[in-house]
Amino acid sequence: RKQNLIDIAGQKGGAGDAGYEYEVKPPKGMAAVEEAMNKCSYIGPAPVPFDDYVESVAAQTVRNFVCTRRTIEAAFKDMIITPSVFNDIGPAINSAASIFLFGPPGNGKTSIAERITRLMGDDIYIPHAIEANGQIIKLFDPIVHQQIVEDAGEVTGAEGIMRRGTNHDERYVKIRRPTIVVGGELSLPMLDLKYNETGKFYEAPMQMKANGGIFMIDDFGRQQMRPQDLLNRWIVPLEKKYDYLTTVTGTKVEVPFDQLLIFSTNLDPMQLADEAFLRRIKFKIEIGNPTEDQWRLI
């Protein structure tokens, strides 16, 4: 009001400023609106400060999950799998490290990854959008995130950071732990911030949307880029558990990398990656062809 950008249009009720209704005052007010929209035209729930997002990821980390033989068998009860594969899957999940699935095509590598998410159990909360260094990053994506609608007034088991009284903070959305699968369409630009020229905000990359769940690179080695280029992109996240994203102005943003990263291929792993990279992938699991007895069960 002091800057003559808005003016009182009337009074709806209540005493003092709280009861006033305001309107944009031309011409200065309209010019200020246009300037603000030129900076960013994101419309939606208020962005969450970046530090709060980092805290929420840590509170819901995949590294806190522990599975047992019984829970693994329950999650995979609709699949025919050899005992040796069961013995490999359990430690791989409990470590929350990376997994390399390899073997002939059609033997269930993608299905195994999808069922691993069942073992992680609890739902999680993610923000609709994040504010980092003055930039807005849109995180929630209804295409890859399965939203869960809560009943009004329901008391949930969310961590304290998502709480506002008995309901969760509505800047966050409750979802199933994500399982994001990308295949031959994957390219390096998909792994960095995508700038929306019209809205002047960013779309989070695929691995950031997968935080708290699983990110699977299916048909590894059949992407349009060289396998070595894709592997080099993952060296820092695999070791440090954080990733660096770049804005259009060249600013680096350090984001959490908290997910189970799974590579799946029907090609020879030794032809796709060198020993240095395979050493960083903690678990290599071969999914072989079924035996005759297994085939008959299937």
Protein backbone atom coordinates (compact mmCIF):
# COMPACT_ATOMS: atom_id res chain seq x y z
CA ARG A 1 0.00 0.00 0.00
CA LYS A 2 2.85 2.39 0.82
CA GLN A 3 4.28 1.78 -2.66
CA ASN A 4 0.84 2.39 -4.25
CA LEU A 5 0.82 -1.12 -5.73
CA ILE A 6 -2.46 -2.19 -4.07
CA ASP A 7 -5.49 -0.41 -2.65
CA ILE A 8 -8.40 -1.28 -0.39
CA ALA A 9 -11.42 -2.50 -2.36
CA GLY A 10 -13.74 -3.05 0.59
CA GLN A 11 -14.13 -4.78 3.92
CA LYS A 12 -15.41 -8.35 4.19
CA GLY A 13 -15.48 -8.69 7.96
CA GLY A 14 -13.26 -8.58 11.00
CA ALA A 15 -11.41 -5.72 12.51
CA GLY A 16 -8.40 -3.88 11.09
CA ASP A 17 -6.24 -4.99 8.19
CA ALA A 18 -7.36 -8.63 8.48
CA GLY A 19 -10.85 -7.73 7.26
CA TYR A 20 -9.82 -5.67 4.23
CA GLU A 21 -10.07 -6.82 0.64
CA TYR A 22 -7.38 -5.52 -1.69
CA GLU A 23 -7.08 -4.96 -5.42
CA VAL A 24 -4.13 -4.25 -7.69
CA LYS A 25 -3.83 -0.52 -8.28
CA PRO A 26 -2.92 0.62 -11.80
CA PRO A 27 -0.60 1.60 -13.26
CA LYS A 28 2.23 0.81 -10.81
CA GLY A 29 0.49 -2.26 -9.42
CA MET A 30 -0.13 -3.79 -12.84
CA ALA A 31 3.47 -3.12 -13.84
CA ALA A 32 4.66 -4.90 -10.67
CA VAL A 33 2.40 -7.89 -11.46
CA GLU A 34 3.81 -8.10 -14.99
CA GLU A 35 7.37 -7.88 -13.65
CA ALA A 36 6.69 -10.68 -11.14
CA MET A 37 5.12 -12.90 -13.81
CA ASN A 38 8.11 -12.33 -16.06
CA LYS A 39 10.37 -13.63 -13.30
CA CYS A 40 8.27 -16.77 -12.69
CA SER A 41 4.70 -17.77 -13.50
CA TYR A 42 4.60 -20.95 -11.42
CA ILE A 43 1.11 -21.48 -9.98
CA GLY A 44 0.44 -24.11 -7.33
CA PRO A 45 1.12 -24.97 -3.69
CA ALA A 46 3.80 -22.82 -2.04
CA PRO A 47 7.32 -24.15 -2.67
CA VAL A 48 9.12 -25.77 0.27
CA PRO A 49 12.53 -24.31 1.27
CA PHE A 50 15.34 -26.50 -0.02
CA ASP A 51 16.70 -27.29 3.47
CA ASP A 52 13.26 -28.58 4.50
CA TYR A 53 13.21 -30.83 1.44
CA VAL A 54 16.64 -32.26 2.32
CA GLU A 55 15.42 -32.91 5.88
CA SER A 56 12.26 -34.67 4.65
CA VAL A 57 14.30 -36.94 2.34
CA ALA A 58 16.58 -37.90 5.24
CA ALA A 59 13.55 -38.59 7.47
CA GLN A 60 12.11 -41.04 4.89
CA THR A 61 15.36 -42.55 3.61
CA VAL A 62 15.42 -45.96 1.91
CA ARG A 63 18.44 -46.81 4.07
CA ASN A 64 16.28 -47.24 7.17
CA PHE A 65 14.38 -50.16 5.70
CA VAL A 66 15.11 -53.76 6.74
CA CYS A 67 13.59 -56.77 4.97
CA THR A 68 13.58 -60.43 5.99
CA ARG A 69 13.33 -63.70 4.11
CA ARG A 70 9.65 -63.88 5.01
CA THR A 71 8.84 -60.39 3.69
CA ILE A 72 10.77 -61.07 0.47
CA GLU A 73 8.86 -64.30 -0.16
CA ALA A 74 5.55 -62.49 0.46
CA ALA A 75 6.43 -59.71 -2.02
CA PHE A 76 7.55 -62.23 -4.67
CA LYS A 77 4.86 -64.85 -4.09
CA ASP A 78 3.42 -64.29 -7.59
CA MET A 79 6.78 -65.01 -9.27
CA ILE A 80 8.79 -68.19 -9.79
CA ILE A 81 12.33 -67.40 -8.58
CA THR A 82 15.25 -69.64 -7.63
CA PRO A 83 16.41 -69.68 -3.96
CA SER A 84 19.81 -68.30 -4.99
CA VAL A 85 18.18 -65.15 -6.39
CA PHE A 86 16.23 -64.74 -3.13
CA ASN A 87 19.51 -64.99 -1.24
CA ASP A 88 21.00 -62.22 -3.40
CA ILE A 89 17.99 -59.86 -3.34
CA GLY A 90 17.73 -59.62 0.46
CA PRO A 91 21.21 -58.22 1.22
CA ALA A 92 20.99 -55.94 -1.83
CA ILE A 93 17.78 -54.31 -0.56
CA ASN A 94 18.98 -54.03 3.04
CA SER A 95 22.15 -52.29 1.89
CA ALA A 96 20.16 -49.65 -0.07
CA ALA A 97 23.11 -49.72 -2.48
CA SER A 98 23.05 -50.15 -6.25
CA ILE A 99 22.05 -53.36 -8.04
CA PHE A 100 23.05 -54.70 -11.45
CA LEU A 101 20.57 -57.24 -12.86
CA PHE A 102 21.76 -59.10 -15.95
CA GLY A 103 20.70 -62.12 -17.94
CA PRO A 104 18.74 -63.18 -21.02
CA PRO A 105 15.66 -61.13 -21.99
CA GLY A 106 12.20 -62.04 -20.70
CA ASN A 107 13.28 -63.56 -17.39
CA GLY A 108 11.63 -61.02 -15.09
CA LYS A 109 14.31 -58.42 -14.35
CA THR A 110 11.83 -55.53 -14.58
CA SER A 111 9.24 -57.43 -12.55
CA ILE A 112 11.81 -58.02 -9.80
CA ALA A 113 12.52 -54.29 -9.57
CA GLU A 114 8.82 -53.47 -9.29
CA ARG A 115 8.35 -55.96 -6.46
CA ILE A 116 11.31 -54.62 -4.54
CA THR A 117 9.28 -51.43 -4.06
CA ARG A 118 6.58 -53.46 -2.31
CA LEU A 119 9.15 -54.43 0.30
CA MET A 120 9.82 -50.79 1.15
CA GLY A 121 6.31 -50.55 2.50
CA ASP A 122 5.43 -47.16 3.94
CA ASP A 123 4.16 -44.29 1.87
CA ILE A 124 6.18 -41.08 1.79
CA TYR A 125 5.60 -37.34 1.49
CA ILE A 126 7.20 -35.18 -1.17
CA PRO A 127 6.75 -31.43 -1.78
CA HIS A 128 4.82 -30.19 -4.79
CA ALA A 129 7.67 -27.77 -5.47
CA ILE A 130 11.00 -26.66 -3.96
CA GLU A 131 12.65 -23.24 -3.73
CA ALA A 132 16.44 -23.40 -4.12
CA ASN A 133 18.64 -20.31 -4.53
CA GLY A 134 15.65 -18.25 -5.61
CA GLN A 135 14.62 -20.81 -8.26
CA ILE A 136 11.47 -22.95 -8.14
CA ILE A 137 11.81 -26.67 -8.95
CA LYS A 138 8.59 -28.58 -9.56
CA LEU A 139 8.94 -32.07 -8.04
CA PHE A 140 5.56 -33.80 -7.85
CA ASP A 141 4.71 -35.47 -11.15
CA PRO A 142 1.34 -37.28 -11.36
CA ILE A 143 2.68 -39.36 -14.26
CA VAL A 144 5.34 -41.11 -12.14
CA HIS A 145 4.01 -40.47 -8.60
CA GLN A 146 0.95 -42.31 -7.32
CA GLN A 147 -0.85 -39.89 -5.01
CA ILE A 148 -2.72 -41.13 -1.92
CA VAL A 149 -5.73 -39.11 -0.83
CA GLU A 150 -6.16 -38.92 2.93
CA ASP A 151 -9.43 -38.56 4.79
CA ALA A 152 -9.98 -35.16 6.39
CA GLY A 153 -8.57 -35.04 9.88
CA GLU A 154 -6.75 -38.37 9.57
CA VAL A 155 -3.74 -38.68 11.86
CA THR A 156 -0.89 -40.20 9.88
CA GLY A 157 2.53 -41.54 10.71
CA ALA A 158 4.34 -38.79 8.85
CA GLU A 159 7.53 -37.35 10.23
CA GLY A 160 7.24 -34.13 12.22
CA ILE A 161 8.46 -31.92 9.40
CA MET A 162 5.34 -32.77 7.36
CA ARG A 163 2.94 -32.13 10.24
CA ARG A 164 0.59 -29.22 10.70
CA GLY A 165 -1.65 -30.23 13.60
CA THR A 166 -3.44 -33.49 12.83
CA ASN A 167 -3.03 -33.13 9.05
CA HIS A 168 0.16 -33.09 7.01
CA ASP A 169 1.56 -29.86 5.60
CA GLU A 170 -0.38 -29.32 2.36
CA ARG A 171 2.74 -28.12 0.57
CA TYR A 172 3.58 -31.85 0.60
CA VAL A 173 1.71 -34.65 -1.15
CA LYS A 174 1.45 -38.24 0.10
CA ILE A 175 2.54 -40.84 -2.48
CA ARG A 176 3.51 -44.47 -2.79
CA ARG A 177 7.26 -44.97 -2.75
CA PRO A 178 8.11 -44.29 -6.39
CA THR A 179 9.30 -46.87 -8.90
CA ILE A 180 10.60 -45.02 -11.95
CA VAL A 181 11.70 -47.12 -14.93
CA VAL A 182 13.47 -45.63 -17.94
CA GLY A 183 14.72 -47.54 -20.95
CA GLY A 184 16.16 -46.84 -24.36
CA GLU A 185 14.60 -43.35 -24.39
CA LEU A 186 16.91 -42.17 -21.58
CA SER A 187 19.26 -39.31 -22.49
CA LEU A 188 21.68 -37.20 -20.44
CA PRO A 189 19.46 -34.05 -20.53
CA MET A 190 16.73 -36.06 -18.76
CA LEU A 191 19.08 -36.33 -15.76
CA ASP A 192 19.38 -32.57 -15.24
CA LEU A 193 17.00 -29.75 -14.41
CA LYS A 194 14.60 -28.96 -17.26
CA TYR A 195 13.89 -25.24 -17.58
CA ASN A 196 10.37 -24.18 -18.54
CA GLU A 197 10.89 -21.14 -20.78
CA THR A 198 7.24 -20.08 -20.51
CA GLY A 199 6.72 -20.53 -16.79
CA LYS A 200 10.28 -19.57 -15.75
CA PHE A 201 10.60 -22.54 -13.36
CA TYR A 202 12.34 -25.93 -13.43
CA GLU A 203 11.12 -29.51 -13.69
CA ALA A 204 12.99 -31.96 -11.47
CA PRO A 205 15.00 -34.68 -13.28
CA MET A 206 14.01 -38.35 -13.14
CA GLN A 207 16.46 -39.40 -10.40
CA MET A 208 15.27 -36.57 -8.13
CA LYS A 209 11.66 -37.69 -8.59
CA ALA A 210 12.77 -41.21 -7.59
CA ASN A 211 14.14 -40.16 -4.18
CA GLY A 212 12.72 -42.41 -1.47
CA GLY A 213 12.10 -45.25 -3.93
CA ILE A 214 13.64 -47.02 -6.91
CA PHE A 215 15.19 -45.68 -10.10
CA MET A 216 15.68 -48.42 -12.68
CA ILE A 217 17.59 -48.08 -15.93
CA ASP A 218 16.11 -50.86 -18.05
CA ASP A 219 17.74 -52.18 -21.23
CA PHE A 220 21.02 -50.61 -20.12
CA GLY A 221 23.41 -50.34 -23.06
CA ARG A 222 20.64 -49.66 -25.59
CA GLN A 223 20.36 -45.92 -24.91
CA GLN A 224 21.21 -43.42 -27.64
CA MET A 225 24.35 -42.37 -25.74
CA ARG A 226 27.46 -44.44 -25.06
CA PRO A 227 27.17 -46.63 -21.93
CA GLN A 228 30.39 -45.05 -20.60
CA ASP A 229 28.84 -41.56 -20.74
CA LEU A 230 25.85 -42.71 -18.70
CA LEU A 231 28.04 -44.57 -16.21
CA ASN A 232 30.27 -41.54 -15.69
CA ARG A 233 27.14 -39.54 -14.84
CA TRP A 234 26.48 -41.86 -11.86
CA ILE A 235 29.95 -42.09 -10.32
CA VAL A 236 29.52 -39.18 -7.86
CA PRO A 237 25.90 -39.99 -6.83
CA LEU A 238 26.76 -43.65 -6.20
CA GLU A 239 29.71 -42.81 -3.95
CA LYS A 240 28.62 -39.59 -2.23
CA LYS A 241 24.81 -40.11 -2.12
CA TYR A 242 24.19 -36.64 -3.52
CA ASP A 243 23.93 -35.28 -7.04
CA TYR A 244 24.82 -31.94 -8.66
CA LEU A 245 22.22 -30.24 -10.87
CA THR A 246 22.87 -27.12 -12.95
CA THR A 247 20.51 -24.18 -13.53
CA VAL A 248 20.41 -22.17 -16.76
CA THR A 249 22.55 -19.51 -15.08
CA GLY A 250 25.26 -22.07 -14.30
CA THR A 251 24.53 -22.33 -10.57
CA LYS A 252 25.11 -25.79 -9.06
CA VAL A 253 22.49 -27.28 -6.71
CA GLU A 254 23.50 -30.20 -4.49
CA VAL A 255 20.47 -32.48 -4.11
CA PRO A 256 20.07 -35.74 -2.14
CA PHE A 257 20.48 -39.02 -4.02
CA ASP A 258 18.47 -41.33 -1.79
CA GLN A 259 17.16 -44.22 -3.85
CA LEU A 260 17.88 -47.77 -4.87
CA LEU A 261 19.52 -47.50 -8.29
CA ILE A 262 19.03 -50.60 -10.45
CA PHE A 263 20.67 -51.32 -13.79
CA SER A 264 19.08 -54.04 -15.91
CA THR A 265 20.53 -55.45 -19.11
CA ASN A 266 20.48 -58.51 -21.33
CA LEU A 267 23.94 -57.66 -22.69
CA ASP A 268 27.30 -58.78 -21.31
CA PRO A 269 28.13 -56.49 -18.33
CA MET A 270 31.85 -56.66 -19.07
CA GLN A 271 31.20 -55.13 -22.51
CA LEU A 272 29.19 -52.26 -20.99
CA ALA A 273 31.24 -51.15 -18.01
CA ASP A 274 34.82 -51.26 -16.82
CA GLU A 275 35.96 -52.84 -13.55
CA ALA A 276 36.15 -49.45 -11.78
CA PHE A 277 32.45 -48.81 -12.28
CA LEU A 278 31.32 -52.38 -11.60
CA ARG A 279 33.18 -52.14 -8.31
CA ARG A 280 30.96 -49.20 -7.30
CA ILE A 281 27.83 -51.29 -7.96
CA LYS A 282 27.66 -53.35 -4.80
CA PHE A 283 25.45 -56.19 -6.00
CA LYS A 284 25.55 -58.01 -9.34
CA ILE A 285 22.68 -60.51 -9.70
CA GLU A 286 22.33 -62.85 -12.65
CA ILE A 287 18.74 -63.72 -13.59
CA GLY A 288 19.17 -66.91 -15.59
CA ASN A 289 16.80 -68.94 -17.70
CA PRO A 290 14.22 -71.01 -15.80
CA THR A 291 14.71 -74.72 -15.39
CA GLU A 292 12.21 -77.10 -16.99
CA ASP A 293 10.39 -77.54 -13.65
CA GLN A 294 10.17 -73.77 -13.18
CA TRP A 295 8.98 -73.33 -16.73
CA ARG A 296 6.16 -75.83 -16.11
CA LEU A 297 5.18 -73.94 -12.93
CA ILE A 298 5.14 -70.66 -14.84
